[in-house]
PDB file of N, CA and C in Angstrom:
ATOM      1  N   MET A   1      -4.135  31.053 -15.461  1.00  0.00           N
ATOM      2  CA  MET A   1      -3.049  31.299 -16.345  1.00  0.00           C
ATOM      3  C   MET A   1      -1.844  31.744 -15.562  1.00  0.00           C
ATOM      4  N   LEU A   2      -0.650  31.245 -15.848  1.00  0.00           N
ATOM      5  CA  LEU A   2       0.489  31.560 -15.115  1.00  0.00           C
ATOM      6  C   LEU A   2       1.160  32.851 -15.690  1.00  0.00           C
ATOM      7  N   THR A   3       1.732  33.642 -14.846  1.00  0.00           N
ATOM      8  CA  THR A   3       2.476  34.872 -15.266  1.00  0.00           C
ATOM      9  C   THR A   3       3.914  34.401 -15.704  1.00  0.00           C
ATOM     10  N   SER A   4       4.517  35.326 -16.456  1.00  0.00           N
ATOM     11  CA  SER A   4       5.901  34.956 -16.915  1.00  0.00           C
ATOM     12  C   SER A   4       6.846  34.813 -15.728  1.00  0.00           C
ATOM     13  N   LYS A   5       6.642  35.449 -14.669  1.00  0.00           N
ATOM     14  CA  LYS A   5       7.483  35.369 -13.456  1.00  0.00           C
ATOM     15  C   LYS A   5       7.282  33.980 -12.880  1.00  0.00           C
ATOM     16  N   LYS A   6       6.114  33.512 -12.773  1.00  0.00           N
ATOM     17  CA  LYS A   6       5.819  32.146 -12.241  1.00  0.00           C
ATOM     18  C   LYS A   6       6.397  31.002 -13.175  1.00  0.00           C
ATOM     19  N   ILE A   7       6.213  31.270 -14.520  1.00  0.00           N
ATOM     20  CA  ILE A   7       6.750  30.274 -15.464  1.00  0.00           C
ATOM     21  C   ILE A   7       8.311  30.208 -15.352  1.00  0.00           C
ATOM     22  N   ALA A   8       8.917  31.365 -15.180  1.00  0.00           N
ATOM     23  CA  ALA A   8      10.357  31.393 -15.054  1.00  0.00           C
ATOM     24  C   ALA A   8      10.797  30.653 -13.765  1.00  0.00           C
ATOM     25  N   TYR A   9      10.063  30.841 -12.696  1.00  0.00           N
ATOM     26  CA  TYR A   9      10.369  30.168 -11.398  1.00  0.00           C
ATOM     27  C   TYR A   9      10.235  28.655 -11.593  1.00  0.00           C
ATOM     28  N   LEU A  10       9.210  28.261 -12.307  1.00  0.00           N
ATOM     29  CA  LEU A  10       8.940  26.766 -12.446  1.00  0.00           C
ATOM     30  C   LEU A  10      10.033  26.141 -13.371  1.00  0.00           C
ATOM     31  N   LYS A  11      10.390  26.917 -14.398  1.00  0.00           N
ATOM     32  CA  LYS A  11      11.485  26.426 -15.287  1.00  0.00           C
ATOM     33  C   LYS A  11      12.759  26.198 -14.466  1.00  0.00           C
ATOM     34  N   ALA A  12      13.049  27.105 -13.543  1.00  0.00           N
ATOM     35  CA  ALA A  12      14.263  26.965 -12.748  1.00  0.00           C
ATOM     36  C   ALA A  12      14.139  25.737 -11.850  1.00  0.00           C
ATOM     37  N   LEU A  13      12.924  25.540 -11.257  1.00  0.00           N
ATOM     38  CA  LEU A  13      12.736  24.359 -10.448  1.00  0.00           C
ATOM     39  C   LEU A  13      12.841  23.061 -11.194  1.00  0.00           C
ATOM     40  N   SER A  14      12.501  23.060 -12.481  1.00  0.00           N
ATOM     41  CA  SER A  14      12.442  21.834 -13.307  1.00  0.00           C
ATOM     42  C   SER A  14      13.794  21.393 -13.634  1.00  0.00           C
ATOM     43  N   HIS A  15      14.867  22.215 -13.648  1.00  0.00           N
ATOM     44  CA  HIS A  15      16.217  21.820 -14.128  1.00  0.00           C
ATOM     45  C   HIS A  15      16.690  20.579 -13.511  1.00  0.00           C
ATOM     46  N   HIS A  16      16.534  20.408 -12.232  1.00  0.00           N
ATOM     47  CA  HIS A  16      17.198  19.278 -11.519  1.00  0.00           C
ATOM     48  C   HIS A  16      16.301  18.034 -11.544  1.00  0.00           C
ATOM     49  N   LYS A  17      15.112  18.120 -12.069  1.00  0.00           N
ATOM     50  CA  LYS A  17      14.121  16.989 -12.024  1.00  0.00           C
ATOM     51  C   LYS A  17      14.486  16.050 -13.203  1.00  0.00           C
ATOM     52  N   LYS A  18      14.224  14.739 -12.989  1.00  0.00           N
ATOM     53  CA  LYS A  18      14.362  13.778 -13.941  1.00  0.00           C
ATOM     54  C   LYS A  18      13.017  13.448 -14.520  1.00  0.00           C
ATOM     55  N   PRO A  19      12.944  12.973 -15.853  1.00  0.00           N
ATOM     56  CA  PRO A  19      11.618  12.655 -16.410  1.00  0.00           C
ATOM     57  C   PRO A  19      10.919  11.528 -15.685  1.00  0.00           C
ATOM     58  N   ILE A  20       9.632  11.614 -15.329  1.00  0.00           N
ATOM     59  CA  ILE A  20       8.930  10.575 -14.645  1.00  0.00           C
ATOM     60  C   ILE A  20       8.054   9.745 -15.572  1.00  0.00           C
ATOM     61  N   VAL A  21       7.821  10.307 -16.809  1.00  0.00           N
ATOM     62  CA  VAL A  21       7.071   9.658 -17.819  1.00  0.00           C
ATOM     63  C   VAL A  21       7.822   9.623 -19.134  1.00  0.00           C
ATOM     64  N   THR A  22       7.801   8.469 -19.878  1.00  0.00           N
ATOM     65  CA  THR A  22       8.408   8.459 -21.149  1.00  0.00           C
ATOM     66  C   THR A  22       7.382   8.069 -22.181  1.00  0.00           C
ATOM     67  N   ILE A  23       7.242   8.855 -23.253  1.00  0.00           N
ATOM     68  CA  ILE A  23       6.288   8.577 -24.269  1.00  0.00           C
ATOM     69  C   ILE A  23       7.040   7.974 -25.434  1.00  0.00           C
ATOM     70  N   GLY A  24       6.723   6.752 -25.730  1.00  0.00           N
ATOM     71  CA  GLY A  24       7.461   5.976 -26.815  1.00  0.00           C
ATOM     72  C   GLY A  24       6.743   6.035 -28.161  1.00  0.00           C
ATOM     73  N   ASN A  25       6.980   4.994 -28.928  1.00  0.00           N
ATOM     74  CA  ASN A  25       6.416   4.963 -30.325  1.00  0.00           C
ATOM     75  C   ASN A  25       4.906   4.874 -30.349  1.00  0.00           C
ATOM     76  N   LYS A  26       4.274   4.339 -29.285  1.00  0.00           N
ATOM     77  CA  LYS A  26       2.827   4.178 -29.269  1.00  0.00           C
ATOM     78  C   LYS A  26       2.125   5.497 -28.980  1.00  0.00           C
ATOM     79  N   GLY A  27       2.852   6.553 -28.609  1.00  0.00           N
ATOM     80  CA  GLY A  27       2.285   7.867 -28.461  1.00  0.00           C
ATOM     81  C   GLY A  27       1.604   8.004 -27.157  1.00  0.00           C
ATOM     82  N   LEU A  28       0.642   8.926 -27.105  1.00  0.00           N
ATOM     83  CA  LEU A  28      -0.105   9.322 -25.971  1.00  0.00           C
ATOM     84  C   LEU A  28      -1.256   8.326 -25.660  1.00  0.00           C
ATOM     85  N   THR A  29      -0.943   7.254 -24.934  1.00  0.00           N
ATOM     86  CA  THR A  29      -1.918   6.233 -24.604  1.00  0.00           C
ATOM     87  C   THR A  29      -2.672   6.502 -23.324  1.00  0.00           C
ATOM     88  N   GLU A  30      -3.717   5.809 -22.974  1.00  0.00           N
ATOM     89  CA  GLU A  30      -4.428   6.005 -21.762  1.00  0.00           C
ATOM     90  C   GLU A  30      -3.488   5.717 -20.599  1.00  0.00           C
ATOM     91  N   SER A  31      -2.659   4.736 -20.673  1.00  0.00           N
ATOM     92  CA  SER A  31      -1.769   4.387 -19.501  1.00  0.00           C
ATOM     93  C   SER A  31      -0.766   5.541 -19.326  1.00  0.00           C
ATOM     94  N   VAL A  32      -0.295   6.091 -20.477  1.00  0.00           N
ATOM     95  CA  VAL A  32       0.637   7.276 -20.307  1.00  0.00           C
ATOM     96  C   VAL A  32      -0.068   8.450 -19.626  1.00  0.00           C
ATOM     97  N   LEU A  33      -1.269   8.745 -20.092  1.00  0.00           N
ATOM     98  CA  LEU A  33      -2.047   9.829 -19.535  1.00  0.00           C
ATOM     99  C   LEU A  33      -2.322   9.638 -18.056  1.00  0.00           C
ATOM    100  N   ASN A  34      -2.583   8.354 -17.682  1.00  0.00           N
ATOM    101  CA  ASN A  34      -2.760   8.030 -16.238  1.00  0.00           C
ATOM    102  C   ASN A  34      -1.513   8.290 -15.422  1.00  0.00           C
ATOM    103  N   GLU A  35      -0.305   7.934 -15.971  1.00  0.00           N
ATOM    104  CA  GLU A  35       0.887   8.185 -15.336  1.00  0.00           C
ATOM    105  C   GLU A  35       1.141   9.678 -15.152  1.00  0.00           C
ATOM    106  N   ILE A  36       0.832  10.471 -16.184  1.00  0.00           N
ATOM    107  CA  ILE A  36       0.983  11.924 -16.143  1.00  0.00           C
ATOM    108  C   ILE A  36       0.036  12.483 -15.017  1.00  0.00           C
ATOM    109  N   HIS A  37      -1.239  12.028 -14.908  1.00  0.00           N
ATOM    110  CA  HIS A  37      -2.168  12.421 -13.908  1.00  0.00           C
ATOM    111  C   HIS A  37      -1.600  12.092 -12.477  1.00  0.00           C
ATOM    112  N   VAL A  38      -1.061  10.933 -12.322  1.00  0.00           N
ATOM    113  CA  VAL A  38      -0.505  10.524 -11.054  1.00  0.00           C
ATOM    114  C   VAL A  38       0.735  11.366 -10.702  1.00  0.00           C
ATOM    115  N   GLY A  39       1.542  11.580 -11.751  1.00  0.00           N
ATOM    116  CA  GLY A  39       2.722  12.399 -11.464  1.00  0.00           C
ATOM    117  C   GLY A  39       2.416  13.825 -11.093  1.00  0.00           C
ATOM    118  N   LEU A  40       1.430  14.341 -11.758  1.00  0.00           N
ATOM    119  CA  LEU A  40       1.033  15.804 -11.456  1.00  0.00           C
ATOM    120  C   LEU A  40       0.432  15.845 -10.010  1.00  0.00           C
ATOM    121  N   LYS A  41      -0.324  14.903  -9.592  1.00  0.00           N
ATOM    122  CA  LYS A  41      -0.926  14.903  -8.270  1.00  0.00           C
ATOM    123  C   LYS A  41       0.158  14.764  -7.253  1.00  0.00           C
ATOM    124  N   ALA A  42       1.165  14.049  -7.549  1.00  0.00           N
ATOM    125  CA  ALA A  42       2.248  13.788  -6.553  1.00  0.00           C
ATOM    126  C   ALA A  42       3.286  14.863  -6.511  1.00  0.00           C
ATOM    127  N   HIS A  43       3.594  15.459  -7.681  1.00  0.00           N
ATOM    128  CA  HIS A  43       4.690  16.480  -7.757  1.00  0.00           C
ATOM    129  C   HIS A  43       4.321  17.864  -8.224  1.00  0.00           C
ATOM    130  N   GLU A  44       3.232  17.986  -8.928  1.00  0.00           N
ATOM    131  CA  GLU A  44       2.705  19.240  -9.511  1.00  0.00           C
ATOM    132  C   GLU A  44       3.543  19.658 -10.773  1.00  0.00           C
ATOM    133  N   LEU A  45       4.896  19.591 -10.693  1.00  0.00           N
ATOM    134  CA  LEU A  45       5.729  19.911 -11.754  1.00  0.00           C
ATOM    135  C   LEU A  45       6.450  18.630 -12.260  1.00  0.00           C
ATOM    136  N   ILE A  46       6.268  18.278 -13.519  1.00  0.00           N
ATOM    137  CA  ILE A  46       6.897  16.984 -13.988  1.00  0.00           C
ATOM    138  C   ILE A  46       7.575  17.256 -15.357  1.00  0.00           C
ATOM    139  N   LYS A  47       8.586  16.378 -15.570  1.00  0.00           N
ATOM    140  CA  LYS A  47       9.213  16.290 -16.952  1.00  0.00           C
ATOM    141  C   LYS A  47       8.751  15.007 -17.582  1.00  0.00           C
ATOM    142  N   ILE A  48       8.539  15.172 -18.894  1.00  0.00           N
ATOM    143  CA  ILE A  48       8.142  14.055 -19.712  1.00  0.00           C
ATOM    144  C   ILE A  48       9.141  13.854 -20.856  1.00  0.00           C
ATOM    145  N   GLN A  49       9.677  12.714 -21.029  1.00  0.00           N
ATOM    146  CA  GLN A  49      10.674  12.365 -22.107  1.00  0.00           C
ATOM    147  C   GLN A  49       9.824  11.833 -23.318  1.00  0.00           C
ATOM    148  N   VAL A  50      10.126  12.400 -24.490  1.00  0.00           N
ATOM    149  CA  VAL A  50       9.413  12.027 -25.680  1.00  0.00           C
ATOM    150  C   VAL A  50      10.387  11.475 -26.702  1.00  0.00           C
ATOM    151  N   SER A  51      10.102  10.294 -27.305  1.00  0.00           N
ATOM    152  CA  SER A  51      10.905   9.818 -28.309  1.00  0.00           C
ATOM    153  C   SER A  51      10.502  10.365 -29.662  1.00  0.00           C
ATOM    154  N   GLY A  52      11.368  10.347 -30.614  1.00  0.00           N
ATOM    155  CA  GLY A  52      11.001  10.860 -31.974  1.00  0.00           C
ATOM    156  C   GLY A  52      11.699  12.214 -32.189  1.00  0.00           C
ATOM    157  N   ASP A  53      12.094  12.454 -33.479  1.00  0.00           N
ATOM    158  CA  ASP A  53      12.848  13.631 -33.790  1.00  0.00           C
ATOM    159  C   ASP A  53      11.969  14.763 -34.416  1.00  0.00           C
ATOM    160  N   ASP A  54      10.663  14.524 -34.564  1.00  0.00           N
ATOM    161  CA  ASP A  54       9.872  15.578 -35.158  1.00  0.00           C
ATOM    162  C   ASP A  54       9.424  16.677 -34.124  1.00  0.00           C
ATOM    163  N   ARG A  55      10.006  17.785 -34.251  1.00  0.00           N
ATOM    164  CA  ARG A  55       9.716  18.880 -33.321  1.00  0.00           C
ATOM    165  C   ARG A  55       8.177  19.298 -33.365  1.00  0.00           C
ATOM    166  N   GLN A  56       7.677  19.417 -34.483  1.00  0.00           N
ATOM    167  CA  GLN A  56       6.226  19.752 -34.566  1.00  0.00           C
ATOM    168  C   GLN A  56       5.315  18.752 -33.886  1.00  0.00           C
ATOM    169  N   ALA A  57       5.673  17.447 -34.062  1.00  0.00           N
ATOM    170  CA  ALA A  57       4.888  16.413 -33.406  1.00  0.00           C
ATOM    171  C   ALA A  57       5.026  16.554 -31.879  1.00  0.00           C
ATOM    172  N   ARG A  58       6.234  16.966 -31.381  1.00  0.00           N
ATOM    173  CA  ARG A  58       6.328  17.094 -29.899  1.00  0.00           C
ATOM    174  C   ARG A  58       5.566  18.320 -29.415  1.00  0.00           C
ATOM    175  N   ILE A  59       5.534  19.422 -30.235  1.00  0.00           N
ATOM    176  CA  ILE A  59       4.686  20.592 -29.823  1.00  0.00           C
ATOM    177  C   ILE A  59       3.251  20.173 -29.776  1.00  0.00           C
ATOM    178  N   LYS A  60       2.800  19.423 -30.768  1.00  0.00           N
ATOM    179  CA  LYS A  60       1.379  19.001 -30.766  1.00  0.00           C
ATOM    180  C   LYS A  60       1.116  18.118 -29.550  1.00  0.00           C
ATOM    181  N   LEU A  61       2.072  17.211 -29.233  1.00  0.00           N
ATOM    182  CA  LEU A  61       1.881  16.306 -28.109  1.00  0.00           C
ATOM    183  C   LEU A  61       1.806  17.022 -26.851  1.00  0.00           C
ATOM    184  N   LEU A  62       2.605  18.147 -26.661  1.00  0.00           N
ATOM    185  CA  LEU A  62       2.574  18.921 -25.471  1.00  0.00           C
ATOM    186  C   LEU A  62       1.170  19.516 -25.329  1.00  0.00           C
ATOM    187  N   GLN A  63       0.654  20.081 -26.424  1.00  0.00           N
ATOM    188  CA  GLN A  63      -0.701  20.644 -26.368  1.00  0.00           C
ATOM    189  C   GLN A  63      -1.734  19.624 -26.034  1.00  0.00           C
ATOM    190  N   GLU A  64      -1.701  18.484 -26.592  1.00  0.00           N
ATOM    191  CA  GLU A  64      -2.618  17.410 -26.268  1.00  0.00           C
ATOM    192  C   GLU A  64      -2.581  16.977 -24.807  1.00  0.00           C
ATOM    193  N   ILE A  65      -1.310  16.910 -24.263  1.00  0.00           N
ATOM    194  CA  ILE A  65      -1.155  16.510 -22.897  1.00  0.00           C
ATOM    195  C   ILE A  65      -1.788  17.547 -21.956  1.00  0.00           C
ATOM    196  N   CYS A  66      -1.501  18.772 -22.273  1.00  0.00           N
ATOM    197  CA  CYS A  66      -2.036  19.877 -21.467  1.00  0.00           C
ATOM    198  C   CYS A  66      -3.574  19.911 -21.498  1.00  0.00           C
ATOM    199  N   LYS A  67      -4.146  19.665 -22.651  1.00  0.00           N
ATOM    200  CA  LYS A  67      -5.593  19.694 -22.815  1.00  0.00           C
ATOM    201  C   LYS A  67      -6.197  18.558 -22.091  1.00  0.00           C
ATOM    202  N   ALA A  68      -5.573  17.348 -22.194  1.00  0.00           N
ATOM    203  CA  ALA A  68      -6.180  16.175 -21.541  1.00  0.00           C
ATOM    204  C   ALA A  68      -6.042  16.156 -20.026  1.00  0.00           C
ATOM    205  N   SER A  69      -4.920  16.823 -19.567  1.00  0.00           N
ATOM    206  CA  SER A  69      -4.628  16.786 -18.096  1.00  0.00           C
ATOM    207  C   SER A  69      -5.028  18.047 -17.369  1.00  0.00           C
ATOM    208  N   GLY A  70      -5.259  19.071 -18.104  1.00  0.00           N
ATOM    209  CA  GLY A  70      -5.579  20.379 -17.511  1.00  0.00           C
ATOM    210  C   GLY A  70      -4.298  21.075 -16.977  1.00  0.00           C
ATOM    211  N   ALA A  71      -3.132  20.676 -17.352  1.00  0.00           N
ATOM    212  CA  ALA A  71      -1.909  21.190 -16.860  1.00  0.00           C
ATOM    213  C   ALA A  71      -1.468  22.409 -17.729  1.00  0.00           C
ATOM    214  N   GLU A  72      -0.531  23.137 -17.224  1.00  0.00           N
ATOM    215  CA  GLU A  72       0.027  24.266 -17.965  1.00  0.00           C
ATOM    216  C   GLU A  72       1.356  23.881 -18.620  1.00  0.00           C
ATOM    217  N   PRO A  73       1.620  24.280 -19.812  1.00  0.00           N
ATOM    218  CA  PRO A  73       2.945  24.003 -20.416  1.00  0.00           C
ATOM    219  C   PRO A  73       3.945  24.964 -19.809  1.00  0.00           C
ATOM    220  N   ILE A  74       5.098  24.445 -19.424  1.00  0.00           N
ATOM    221  CA  ILE A  74       6.146  25.332 -18.775  1.00  0.00           C
ATOM    222  C   ILE A  74       7.297  25.429 -19.726  1.00  0.00           C
ATOM    223  N   ASN A  75       7.779  24.286 -20.271  1.00  0.00           N
ATOM    224  CA  ASN A  75       8.975  24.327 -21.114  1.00  0.00           C
ATOM    225  C   ASN A  75       8.982  23.179 -22.095  1.00  0.00           C
ATOM    226  N   HIS A  76       9.648  23.331 -23.184  1.00  0.00           N
ATOM    227  CA  HIS A  76       9.853  22.309 -24.224  1.00  0.00           C
ATOM    228  C   HIS A  76      11.291  22.433 -24.670  1.00  0.00           C
ATOM    229  N   ILE A  77      12.181  21.691 -24.264  1.00  0.00           N
ATOM    230  CA  ILE A  77      13.591  21.680 -24.743  1.00  0.00           C
ATOM    231  C   ILE A  77      13.887  20.360 -25.309  1.00  0.00           C
ATOM    232  N   GLY A  78      14.205  20.360 -26.519  1.00  0.00           N
ATOM    233  CA  GLY A  78      14.568  19.073 -27.240  1.00  0.00           C
ATOM    234  C   GLY A  78      13.405  18.039 -27.056  1.00  0.00           C
ATOM    235  N   LYS A  79      13.771  16.886 -26.449  1.00  0.00           N
ATOM    236  CA  LYS A  79      12.766  15.832 -26.312  1.00  0.00           C
ATOM    237  C   LYS A  79      12.173  15.825 -24.873  1.00  0.00           C
ATOM    238  N   LEU A  80      12.358  16.910 -24.145  1.00  0.00           N
ATOM    239  CA  LEU A  80      11.757  17.040 -22.766  1.00  0.00           C
ATOM    240  C   LEU A  80      10.681  18.055 -22.733  1.00  0.00           C
ATOM    241  N   LEU A  81       9.612  17.659 -22.171  1.00  0.00           N
ATOM    242  CA  LEU A  81       8.458  18.522 -21.915  1.00  0.00           C
ATOM    243  C   LEU A  81       8.294  18.734 -20.454  1.00  0.00           C
ATOM    244  N   VAL A  82       7.985  19.982 -20.021  1.00  0.00           N
ATOM    245  CA  VAL A  82       7.762  20.252 -18.587  1.00  0.00           C
ATOM    246  C   VAL A  82       6.372  20.817 -18.503  1.00  0.00           C
ATOM    247  N   ILE A  83       5.574  20.220 -17.614  1.00  0.00           N
ATOM    248  CA  ILE A  83       4.214  20.721 -17.374  1.00  0.00           C
ATOM    249  C   ILE A  83       3.968  20.900 -15.861  1.00  0.00           C
ATOM    250  N   TYR A  84       2.989  21.773 -15.510  1.00  0.00           N
ATOM    251  CA  TYR A  84       2.691  22.077 -14.150  1.00  0.00           C
ATOM    252  C   TYR A  84       1.144  22.070 -13.950  1.00  0.00           C
ATOM    253  N   GLN A  85       0.740  21.483 -12.819  1.00  0.00           N
ATOM    254  CA  GLN A  85      -0.665  21.608 -12.444  1.00  0.00           C
ATOM    255  C   GLN A  85      -0.717  21.680 -10.914  1.00  0.00           C
ATOM    256  N   GLN A  86      -1.260  22.750 -10.377  1.00  0.00           N
ATOM    257  CA  GLN A  86      -1.335  22.867  -8.905  1.00  0.00           C
ATOM    258  C   GLN A  86      -2.277  21.855  -8.322  1.00  0.00           C
ATOM    259  N   SER A  87      -1.879  21.158  -7.341  1.00  0.00           N
ATOM    260  CA  SER A  87      -2.688  20.230  -6.636  1.00  0.00           C
ATOM    261  C   SER A  87      -3.366  20.839  -5.477  1.00  0.00           C
ATOM    262  N   ASP A  88      -4.200  20.061  -4.812  1.00  0.00           N
ATOM    263  CA  ASP A  88      -4.863  20.601  -3.548  1.00  0.00           C
ATOM    264  C   ASP A  88      -3.897  20.768  -2.473  1.00  0.00           C
ATOM    265  N   LYS A  89      -2.731  20.049  -2.559  1.00  0.00           N
ATOM    266  CA  LYS A  89      -1.772  20.064  -1.437  1.00  0.00           C
ATOM    267  C   LYS A  89      -0.893  21.337  -1.637  1.00  0.00           C
ATOM    268  N   LYS A  90      -0.820  21.963  -2.783  1.00  0.00           N
ATOM    269  CA  LYS A  90       0.031  23.135  -3.071  1.00  0.00           C
ATOM    270  C   LYS A  90       1.453  22.896  -2.626  1.00  0.00           C
ATOM    271  N   LEU A  91       2.063  21.889  -3.314  1.00  0.00           N
ATOM    272  CA  LEU A  91       3.393  21.463  -2.996  1.00  0.00           C
ATOM    273  C   LEU A  91       4.454  22.559  -3.313  1.00  0.00           C
ATOM    274  N   ILE A  92       4.273  23.305  -4.349  1.00  0.00           N
ATOM    275  CA  ILE A  92       5.160  24.284  -4.847  1.00  0.00           C
ATOM    276  C   ILE A  92       4.547  25.734  -4.454  1.00  0.00           C
ATOM    277  N   ASP A  93       5.418  26.457  -3.743  1.00  0.00           N
ATOM    278  CA  ASP A  93       4.959  27.811  -3.358  1.00  0.00           C
ATOM    279  C   ASP A  93       5.430  28.812  -4.423  1.00  0.00           C
ATOM    280  N   LEU A  94       4.489  29.266  -5.225  1.00  0.00           N
ATOM    281  CA  LEU A  94       4.800  30.161  -6.366  1.00  0.00           C
ATOM    282  C   LEU A  94       4.987  31.566  -5.905  1.00  0.00           C
ATOM    283  N   PRO A  95       5.901  32.299  -6.550  1.00  0.00           N
ATOM    284  CA  PRO A  95       6.090  33.761  -6.224  1.00  0.00           C
ATOM    285  C   PRO A  95       4.791  34.558  -6.659  1.00  0.00           C
ATOM    286  N   ASP A  96       4.654  35.659  -6.016  1.00  0.00           N
ATOM    287  CA  ASP A  96       3.526  36.608  -6.380  1.00  0.00           C
ATOM    288  C   ASP A  96       3.749  37.335  -7.613  1.00  0.00           C
TER     289      ASP A  96
END
């Protein structure tokens, strides 16, 4: 589990990132989950663009993504979701 200090640090790092995965009308498919896994292994911290205006559906989607990928939710602003999962390479040096 991440501390609030680490989450704040990851939020700050995520500001300049562009979404690497877009979830469209078909929702959370196997191919989307695969792209999320690949993105997490390569970057650890990723943004996901979600279509649709239903905020509750986006919150549920964030929970499903984190459960399926083992990632931690970092941020949810509008239609953007930010998640983090530390890889074996430890690309991001988190504060203590």
